Protein backbone atom coordinates (compact mmCIF):
# COMPACT_ATOMS: atom_id res chain seq x y z
CA UNK A 1 -10.63 18.31 -48.71
CA UNK A 2 -10.56 18.60 -52.10
CA UNK A 3 -12.47 18.33 -54.74
CA UNK A 4 -12.55 17.33 -58.50
CA UNK A 5 -16.15 16.93 -60.09
CA UNK A 6 -17.83 17.38 -63.46
CA UNK A 7 -20.19 20.46 -61.72
CA UNK A 8 -17.31 22.21 -60.01
CA UNK A 9 -13.36 22.05 -59.09
CA UNK A 10 -12.76 23.46 -55.70
CA UNK A 11 -15.10 23.25 -51.84
CA UNK A 12 -16.99 26.13 -52.69
CA UNK A 13 -17.43 26.31 -55.84
CA UNK A 14 -18.68 22.52 -55.53
CA UNK A 15 -20.64 23.29 -52.41
CA UNK A 16 -22.44 26.40 -55.07
CA UNK A 17 -23.39 23.99 -58.01
CA UNK A 18 -25.02 21.16 -54.80
CA UNK A 19 -26.72 24.06 -53.57
CA UNK A 20 -27.64 25.79 -57.34
CA UNK A 21 -28.89 21.93 -57.95
CA UNK A 22 -26.03 22.53 -61.40
CA UNK A 23 -25.63 19.53 -63.42
CA UNK A 24 -21.87 18.84 -64.95
CA UNK A 25 -23.43 16.05 -68.03
CA UNK A 26 -23.06 17.18 -71.30
CA UNK A 27 -23.18 15.68 -75.04
CA UNK A 28 -19.90 14.36 -75.92
CA UNK A 29 -19.37 14.54 -80.12
CA UNK A 30 -16.63 11.66 -79.62
CA UNK A 31 -19.33 9.35 -78.70
CA UNK A 32 -22.01 9.95 -80.99
CA UNK A 33 -18.35 9.74 -83.73
CA UNK A 34 -18.32 6.44 -81.89
CA UNK A 35 -21.77 5.32 -82.61
CA UNK A 36 -22.48 5.13 -78.74
CA UNK A 37 -26.13 4.78 -77.65
CA UNK A 38 -25.01 7.17 -74.66
CA UNK A 39 -23.91 10.37 -76.40
CA UNK A 40 -23.71 12.24 -72.81
CA UNK A 41 -21.18 11.97 -70.12
CA UNK A 42 -19.42 14.23 -66.70
CA UNK A 43 -16.29 15.05 -66.53
CA UNK A 44 -14.49 17.69 -65.13
CA UNK A 45 -14.44 20.67 -67.28
CA UNK A 46 -10.90 23.15 -68.71
CA UNK A 47 -9.13 20.34 -66.81
CA UNK A 48 -5.87 20.77 -69.22
CA UNK A 49 -5.58 24.51 -67.94
CA UNK A 50 -6.37 23.33 -64.30
CA UNK A 51 -3.73 20.90 -64.18
CA UNK A 52 -1.14 22.97 -65.37
CA UNK A 53 -1.85 25.80 -63.08
CA UNK A 54 -0.41 22.68 -60.13
CA UNK A 55 2.18 21.26 -61.93
CA UNK A 56 5.23 21.53 -64.42
CA UNK A 57 5.83 19.93 -67.67
CA UNK A 58 7.95 17.80 -66.41
CA UNK A 59 5.11 15.97 -63.64
CA UNK A 60 2.47 16.70 -66.09
CA UNK A 61 4.78 13.35 -68.12
CA UNK A 62 3.53 11.33 -65.76
CA UNK A 63 -0.31 11.89 -65.13
CA UNK A 64 -2.76 11.22 -67.56
CA UNK A 65 -6.61 12.13 -66.47
CA UNK A 66 -7.27 9.48 -63.93
CA UNK A 67 -4.22 10.61 -61.58
CA UNK A 68 -4.43 14.28 -62.08
CA UNK A 69 -7.34 14.63 -61.17
CA UNK A 70 -6.52 12.81 -58.20
CA UNK A 71 -3.30 14.77 -57.85
CA UNK A 72 -5.04 17.96 -58.00
CA UNK A 73 -7.32 16.75 -55.19
CA UNK A 74 -4.62 15.81 -52.94
CA UNK A 75 -2.86 19.39 -53.53
CA UNK A 76 -6.35 20.67 -52.43
CA UNK A 77 -7.06 18.65 -49.67
CA UNK A 78 -3.17 18.91 -48.37
CA UNK A 79 -4.24 22.38 -48.45
CA UNK A 80 -7.21 22.48 -46.99
CA UNK A 81 -6.26 20.73 -44.08
CA UNK A 82 -3.38 23.57 -43.43
CA UNK A 83 0.17 21.67 -44.80
CA UNK A 84 2.23 22.88 -47.51
CA UNK A 85 3.77 21.47 -50.24
CA UNK A 86 7.05 19.90 -49.63
CA UNK A 87 10.16 21.22 -51.50
CA UNK A 88 11.04 18.20 -54.18
CA UNK A 89 14.22 18.46 -52.68
CA UNK A 90 13.77 17.84 -49.51
CA UNK A 91 14.66 14.70 -48.50
CA UNK A 92 12.17 14.86 -44.94
CA UNK A 93 9.56 11.67 -44.87
CA UNK A 94 6.55 11.90 -43.39
CA UNK A 95 6.03 8.34 -41.62
CA UNK A 96 2.73 9.52 -40.04
CA UNK A 97 0.54 10.22 -43.31
CA UNK A 98 -0.19 8.00 -45.98
CA UNK A 99 -2.85 7.41 -48.98
CA UNK A 100 -5.52 5.32 -49.68
CA UNK A 101 -7.06 6.79 -52.78
CA UNK A 102 -8.33 3.72 -55.26
CA UNK A 103 -10.06 3.53 -59.42
CA UNK A 104 -12.63 1.46 -60.63
CA UNK A 105 -10.99 0.97 -63.75
CA UNK A 106 -8.13 3.76 -64.02
CA UNK A 107 -6.14 5.03 -66.78
CA UNK A 108 -7.54 3.04 -69.39
CA UNK A 109 -7.19 6.38 -71.98
CA UNK A 110 -3.20 5.22 -71.47
CA UNK A 111 -3.63 1.72 -72.29
CA UNK A 112 -5.82 2.31 -75.40
CA UNK A 113 -4.43 5.09 -77.09
CA UNK A 114 -0.91 4.80 -75.94
CA UNK A 115 0.21 1.13 -74.88
CA UNK A 116 -1.62 -0.97 -77.40
CA UNK A 117 -1.22 1.34 -80.63
CA UNK A 118 2.64 1.84 -79.99
CA UNK A 119 3.18 -2.18 -79.00
CA UNK A 120 1.13 -3.32 -82.15
CA UNK A 121 2.96 -1.04 -84.50
CA UNK A 122 6.27 -2.46 -82.76
CA UNK A 123 7.39 0.77 -81.49
CA UNK A 124 7.92 -0.42 -78.05
CA UNK A 125 11.17 1.51 -77.57
CA UNK A 126 9.52 4.52 -78.09
CA UNK A 127 7.26 4.70 -75.37
CA UNK A 128 9.51 5.90 -72.84
CA UNK A 129 9.64 4.98 -69.08
CA UNK A 130 6.76 6.84 -67.70
CA UNK A 131 3.88 4.46 -69.59
CA UNK A 132 4.52 1.73 -66.28
CA UNK A 133 3.49 4.09 -63.37
CA UNK A 134 0.32 5.38 -65.46
CA UNK A 135 -0.95 2.19 -66.28
CA UNK A 136 -0.67 0.19 -63.16
CA UNK A 137 -3.44 0.36 -60.56
CA UNK A 138 -1.18 1.77 -58.11
CA UNK A 139 -0.10 4.94 -59.68
CA UNK A 140 -2.29 7.71 -58.62
CA UNK A 141 -1.48 6.57 -54.80
CA UNK A 142 1.55 5.89 -55.74
CA UNK A 143 2.00 9.79 -57.63
CA UNK A 144 0.43 11.52 -54.17
CA UNK A 145 3.24 10.05 -52.28
CA UNK A 146 5.78 11.49 -54.20
CA UNK A 147 3.98 14.97 -54.48
CA UNK A 148 3.46 15.01 -50.61
CA UNK A 149 6.38 12.95 -49.29
CA UNK A 150 4.70 10.47 -47.55
CA UNK A 151 5.54 6.92 -46.19
CA UNK A 152 3.14 5.74 -43.47
CA UNK A 153 0.59 3.15 -45.91
CA UNK A 154 0.23 3.73 -49.76
CA UNK A 155 -2.27 2.09 -51.48
CA UNK A 156 -4.57 1.71 -54.59
CA UNK A 157 -7.82 -0.07 -53.62
CA UNK A 158 -10.49 -0.97 -56.67
CA UNK A 159 -13.77 -2.26 -55.55
CA UNK A 160 -15.60 -0.87 -58.46
CA UNK A 161 -18.55 1.71 -57.44
CA UNK A 162 -17.48 1.04 -53.71
CA UNK A 163 -14.18 2.63 -54.07
CA UNK A 164 -13.87 5.53 -53.16
CA UNK A 165 -16.12 4.79 -49.59
CA UNK A 166 -13.63 1.80 -48.75
CA UNK A 167 -11.10 3.74 -49.03
CA UNK A 168 -12.15 6.27 -46.65
CA UNK A 169 -13.50 2.97 -44.34
CA UNK A 170 -10.04 1.46 -44.75
CA UNK A 171 -8.34 4.67 -43.10
CA UNK A 172 -10.90 4.89 -40.51
CA UNK A 173 -9.65 1.34 -39.83
CA UNK A 174 -5.82 2.12 -40.13
CA UNK A 175 -5.79 5.54 -37.74
CA UNK A 176 -8.24 3.56 -35.14
CA UNK A 177 -5.79 0.69 -34.72
CA UNK A 178 -2.82 3.53 -34.36
CA UNK A 179 -0.87 3.02 -37.30
CA UNK A 180 -0.83 6.31 -38.83
CA UNK A 181 -1.92 10.05 -37.67
CA UNK A 182 -3.42 10.69 -41.09
CA UNK A 183 -4.69 9.12 -44.49
CA UNK A 184 -5.31 10.89 -47.90
CA UNK A 185 -8.25 8.68 -49.06
CA UNK A 186 -10.65 8.74 -51.49
CA UNK A 187 -10.93 7.90 -55.45
CA UNK A 188 -10.41 8.78 -59.48
CA UNK A 189 -11.55 7.61 -62.16
CA UNK A 190 -11.02 9.10 -65.63
CA UNK A 191 -12.89 9.67 -68.94
CA UNK A 192 -12.78 7.58 -71.74
CA UNK A 193 -15.16 6.38 -74.19
CA UNK A 194 -12.79 2.29 -73.53
CA UNK A 195 -14.19 3.41 -69.70
CA UNK A 196 -18.06 4.00 -70.78
CA UNK A 197 -18.02 1.63 -73.58
CA UNK A 198 -18.56 -1.44 -71.97
CA UNK A 199 -21.92 0.03 -69.86
CA UNK A 200 -23.32 0.48 -73.67
CA UNK A 201 -23.16 -2.18 -74.45
CA UNK A 202 -24.78 -3.30 -71.27
CA UNK A 203 -27.29 -1.11 -72.03
CA UNK A 204 -27.15 0.15 -68.21
CA UNK A 205 -26.49 3.91 -69.62
CA UNK A 206 -29.12 6.79 -70.36
CA UNK A 207 -29.17 6.39 -74.04
CA UNK A 208 -32.95 8.80 -74.51
CA UNK A 209 -31.60 12.10 -73.02
CA UNK A 210 -28.86 12.66 -75.33
CA UNK A 211 -30.56 15.70 -76.48
CA UNK A 212 -31.45 16.87 -73.11
CA UNK A 213 -28.42 16.04 -71.23
CA UNK A 214 -28.98 17.50 -67.76
CA UNK A 215 -32.04 15.88 -66.83
CA UNK A 216 -30.52 12.70 -68.03
CA UNK A 217 -29.60 11.32 -64.65
CA UNK A 218 -32.98 10.79 -62.93
CA UNK A 219 -32.31 8.87 -59.66
CA UNK A 220 -35.73 7.69 -58.22
CA UNK A 221 -37.78 8.90 -61.16
CA UNK A 222 -40.51 6.49 -62.84
CA UNK A 223 -38.44 7.28 -65.90
CA UNK A 224 -35.28 6.37 -65.26
CA UNK A 225 -33.18 5.09 -68.41
CA UNK A 226 -29.54 3.95 -66.85
CA UNK A 227 -27.17 6.04 -65.40
CA UNK A 228 -24.84 8.64 -66.96
CA UNK A 229 -20.68 8.14 -66.87
CA UNK A 230 -18.72 10.27 -65.06
CA UNK A 231 -15.58 11.02 -63.85
CA UNK A 232 -13.58 13.34 -61.92
CA UNK A 233 -11.98 12.99 -57.92
CA UNK A 234 -12.59 13.75 -54.62
CA UNK A 235 -9.94 13.49 -51.38
CA UNK A 236 -10.12 13.58 -47.96
CA UNK A 237 -7.87 13.83 -45.26
CA UNK A 238 -8.94 11.93 -42.74
CA UNK A 239 -6.91 12.16 -39.28
CA UNK A 240 -6.49 11.13 -35.37
CA UNK A 241 -8.76 13.39 -33.24
CA UNK A 242 -6.23 14.47 -30.57
CA UNK A 243 -3.42 15.39 -33.89
CA UNK A 244 -5.96 17.17 -35.33
CA UNK A 245 -7.18 19.24 -32.25
CA UNK A 246 -3.01 19.85 -31.10
CA UNK A 247 -2.54 21.47 -34.63
CA UNK A 248 -5.48 23.50 -34.21
CA UNK A 249 -7.07 21.67 -37.68
CA UNK A 250 -10.15 22.97 -38.77
CA UNK A 251 -12.67 19.47 -38.78
CA UNK A 252 -15.43 19.01 -41.17
CA UNK A 253 -16.77 16.15 -39.69
CA UNK A 254 -16.05 12.81 -37.71
CA UNK A 255 -16.38 9.62 -39.35
CA UNK A 256 -18.44 7.57 -36.79
CA UNK A 257 -17.96 4.79 -38.84
CA UNK A 258 -18.46 2.11 -41.65
CA UNK A 259 -18.94 -1.43 -42.47
CA UNK A 260 -17.81 -3.40 -45.98
CA UNK A 261 -19.33 -7.05 -46.76
CA UNK A 262 -20.29 -8.68 -50.12
CA UNK A 263 -23.24 -10.41 -50.84
CA UNK A 264 -21.81 -13.45 -52.33
CA UNK A 265 -23.48 -13.44 -55.57
CA UNK A 266 -27.42 -15.21 -53.87
CA UNK A 267 -30.54 -14.43 -53.07
CA UNK A 268 -30.97 -12.37 -56.10
CA UNK A 269 -27.25 -10.92 -56.33
CA UNK A 270 -24.38 -11.19 -59.35
CA UNK A 271 -21.78 -9.61 -60.75
CA UNK A 272 -23.95 -6.85 -61.39
CA UNK A 273 -26.77 -6.84 -58.90
CA UNK A 274 -27.16 -6.70 -55.06
CA UNK A 275 -28.25 -8.86 -53.25
CA UNK A 276 -30.28 -7.09 -50.82
CA UNK A 277 -29.93 -9.26 -47.32
CA UNK A 278 -25.82 -8.16 -48.39
CA UNK A 279 -26.67 -4.11 -48.68
CA UNK A 280 -29.26 -4.18 -45.47
CA UNK A 281 -26.52 -6.05 -43.06
CA UNK A 282 -23.72 -3.87 -44.50
CA UNK A 283 -26.23 -1.03 -43.39
CA UNK A 284 -26.75 -2.46 -40.19
CA UNK A 285 -23.09 -2.60 -39.60
CA UNK A 286 -22.01 0.64 -40.36
CA UNK A 287 -24.94 1.65 -38.06
CA UNK A 288 -23.01 -0.88 -34.90
CA UNK A 289 -19.71 0.08 -35.72
CA UNK A 290 -21.02 3.65 -35.08
CA UNK A 291 -22.19 3.36 -31.73
CA UNK A 292 -25.57 4.56 -32.75
CA UNK A 293 -29.29 3.69 -33.17
CA UNK A 294 -30.98 4.01 -36.73
CA UNK A 295 -33.41 7.06 -35.60
CA UNK A 296 -29.83 9.45 -34.94
CA UNK A 297 -29.51 9.06 -39.20
CA UNK A 298 -30.77 12.28 -40.12
CA UNK A 299 -30.65 11.53 -44.28
CA UNK A 300 -29.12 9.17 -46.62
CA UNK A 301 -27.08 10.14 -48.99
CA UNK A 302 -27.47 6.99 -51.40
CA UNK A 303 -25.74 4.98 -54.13
CA UNK A 304 -29.14 5.80 -56.23
CA UNK A 305 -27.78 6.42 -59.83
CA UNK A 306 -30.66 6.05 -62.01
CA UNK A 307 -31.62 2.40 -62.84
CA UNK A 308 -34.01 -0.44 -61.55
CA UNK A 309 -31.64 -0.63 -58.69
CA UNK A 310 -33.47 2.50 -57.05
CA UNK A 311 -36.57 1.75 -55.46
CA UNK A 312 -34.65 -1.61 -54.16
CA UNK A 313 -32.41 0.31 -52.20
CA UNK A 314 -35.06 2.79 -51.07
CA UNK A 315 -37.23 0.18 -49.44
CA UNK A 316 -33.71 -2.01 -48.18
CA UNK A 317 -32.47 1.20 -46.34
CA UNK A 318 -36.33 1.22 -44.92
CA UNK A 319 -35.93 -2.09 -43.64
CA UNK A 320 -32.65 -2.38 -42.43
CA UNK A 321 -32.79 0.91 -40.32
CA UNK A 322 -36.50 -0.58 -39.94
CA UNK A 323 -37.76 2.96 -40.49
CA UNK A 324 -40.93 3.27 -42.97
CA UNK A 325 -42.30 6.35 -44.94
CA UNK A 326 -43.74 8.09 -41.97
CA UNK A 327 -40.32 8.83 -39.72
CA UNK A 328 -37.68 8.05 -43.35
CA UNK A 329 -34.65 10.02 -43.21
CA UNK A 330 -34.23 12.17 -45.73
CA UNK A 331 -32.52 10.84 -49.08
CA UNK A 332 -30.76 12.66 -51.60
CA UNK A 333 -28.68 11.37 -55.15
CA UNK A 334 -25.22 13.33 -55.38
CA UNK A 335 -25.59 11.75 -58.76
CA UNK A 336 -28.69 13.60 -59.98
CA UNK A 337 -25.98 16.60 -60.88
CA UNK A 338 -22.70 15.10 -61.66
CA UNK A 339 -23.67 11.24 -62.72
CA UNK A 340 -22.10 7.83 -61.61
CA UNK A 341 -18.28 8.57 -61.47
CA UNK A 342 -17.32 5.05 -61.19
CA UNK A 343 -14.67 4.53 -58.32
CA UNK A 344 -14.29 8.10 -57.35
CA UNK A 345 -18.47 8.08 -56.67
CA UNK A 346 -18.07 7.29 -53.32
CA UNK A 347 -15.12 9.81 -52.98
CA UNK A 348 -17.21 12.72 -54.74
CA UNK A 349 -20.22 12.08 -52.94
CA UNK A 350 -18.68 12.10 -49.70
CA UNK A 351 -17.06 15.61 -49.82
CA UNK A 352 -21.01 16.20 -50.66
CA UNK A 353 -22.49 14.90 -47.49
CA UNK A 354 -19.55 16.61 -45.56
CA UNK A 355 -20.31 19.85 -46.78
CA UNK A 356 -23.83 19.72 -46.10
CA UNK A 357 -23.27 18.58 -42.54
CA UNK A 358 -20.30 20.95 -42.30
CA UNK A 359 -22.73 23.89 -44.05
CA UNK A 360 -26.49 22.82 -42.63
CA UNK A 361 -28.28 21.96 -45.66
CA UNK A 362 -29.05 19.23 -48.24
CA UNK A 363 -28.88 19.79 -51.69
CA UNK A 364 -31.47 18.82 -54.14
CA UNK A 365 -32.45 15.37 -56.08
CA UNK A 366 -32.64 16.40 -59.48
CA UNK A 367 -35.14 15.02 -62.16
CA UNK A 368 -37.18 12.88 -59.89
CA UNK A 369 -40.15 14.97 -59.87
CA UNK A 370 -42.11 11.79 -61.36
CA UNK A 371 -40.96 10.10 -58.49
CA UNK A 372 -40.96 6.00 -58.68
CA UNK A 373 -44.47 4.62 -58.23
CA UNK A 374 -42.67 1.67 -55.92
CA UNK A 375 -41.57 4.68 -53.97
CA UNK A 376 -43.99 7.02 -53.86
CA UNK A 377 -44.77 7.08 -50.08
CA UNK A 378 -41.32 7.81 -49.21
CA UNK A 379 -41.37 11.20 -51.93
CA UNK A 380 -41.63 14.05 -48.84
CA UNK A 381 -38.20 12.44 -47.96
CA UNK A 382 -36.77 13.85 -51.65
CA UNK A 383 -35.52 17.30 -51.95
CA UNK A 384 -36.26 18.72 -54.78
CA UNK A 385 -34.95 22.31 -54.00
CA UNK A 386 -32.22 23.28 -51.63
CA UNK A 387 -33.33 22.52 -47.50
CA UNK A 388 -31.73 24.21 -45.39
CA UNK A 389 -31.23 22.11 -42.13
CA UNK A 390 -29.31 23.73 -39.74
CA UNK A 391 -29.85 20.95 -37.57
CA UNK A 392 -28.67 18.15 -39.59
CA UNK A 393 -26.54 16.11 -37.70
CA UNK A 394 -25.57 12.40 -38.95
CA UNK A 395 -25.50 10.93 -42.72
CA UNK A 396 -25.39 7.62 -43.91
CA UNK A 397 -23.71 7.59 -47.20
CA UNK A 398 -23.86 4.31 -49.03
CA UNK A 399 -21.98 2.69 -52.25
CA UNK A 400 -23.16 -0.73 -53.77
CA UNK A 401 -20.80 -2.02 -56.73
CA UNK A 402 -20.28 -4.36 -59.19
CA UNK A 403 -19.17 -7.38 -57.56
CA UNK A 404 -21.82 -7.63 -55.14
CA UNK A 405 -19.73 -5.23 -52.79
CA UNK A 406 -21.58 -3.01 -50.40
CA UNK A 407 -20.17 -0.23 -48.03
CA UNK A 408 -21.85 2.27 -46.17
CA UNK A 409 -19.58 5.18 -43.97
CA UNK A 410 -21.60 7.11 -40.96
CA UNK A 411 -21.00 10.51 -40.59
CA UNK A 412 -21.17 13.57 -38.31
CA UNK A 413 -21.04 16.86 -38.18
CA UNK A 414 -18.20 17.87 -35.67
CA UNK A 415 -19.29 19.64 -32.34
CA UNK A 416 -16.05 19.41 -30.16
CA UNK A 417 -18.48 20.42 -26.77
CA UNK A 418 -20.30 16.91 -27.91
CA UNK A 419 -17.27 14.38 -29.05
CA UNK A 420 -18.87 10.78 -30.02
CA UNK A 421 -15.51 9.39 -28.77
């Protein structure tokens, strides 16, 4: 795995941040100058320095922030999986490995800061030839494929906040079908006022905590007042079990199953709201695909954005799993620490899920001491402090996005003596 998150870069630092409940949300003076109502956000810190430690100047010229976050995380994941970076002059292609890494909005910073101004000023010939690879939706996966010489499927998906989860599920399906040995899967999102402006105009992002950023992301809270926009990247190396065992790879967890669907913008669903029946069907389909029963799930890492939808999500989980407050799984929200990283959200949060399974703990959901009254009966299932949980075995990860699209993944702790397949 590789992670470039608002509160940490690298797995060890990210685990520490999760355990400590350390927030990556901070005040952005630029947003105040631009008259945003929400003047806070979450973005990887010191990233200019970080990426210069990975790539030379020529390579960096093809990377905006969105691609840069993904590229750094992909290199980290590749190395963590036990592989080395190929030489740029080596003509060998890895035909067994592919990339499915998407984003929700992508290279908006390049479009607004470079493309539009230069075109408007009639300076098209001065833009250079590298502008296209930074603004095309597939630029992220294409960059990773070039860095690592990967020759299997190379795709950038985009399904709003469900993007990262969807990429992991697509990778699982491709490997199951015997079409690849491994896939680098995940999501990334750049940080830019031009990405966040539309959400500010919709009044769905937090406006009341500009002077107290770390308290702003409040999933499941009675005082939740909108999500905090975020950015970053998470990349997982999903691999066929036989291949992983053959090369002696460290295995963090199993992807037992997953599902994606859409609510069809009916029954209360719309471009911005989920159809509750679609959500429940997605969860049940993922459980079925994983060949488990709802009672096997120990914890849920929810979508939980700190909006009005949070209580509905918890109730949808309860109904889908047929588990009431008394036997409901533990549930936490990584967004309380990193904000809502849009197309990167599912991937960053999946890395958090897998670290929790691998190390046997549940990170706290911060800022929800005042649990929403509609879900007060579930409060005992929300960790407010880091919780040691050595017997933690299965976590369900959700993603529900704009467009009424849904995704759910079932992750299981790896135990070579108790294989699931």
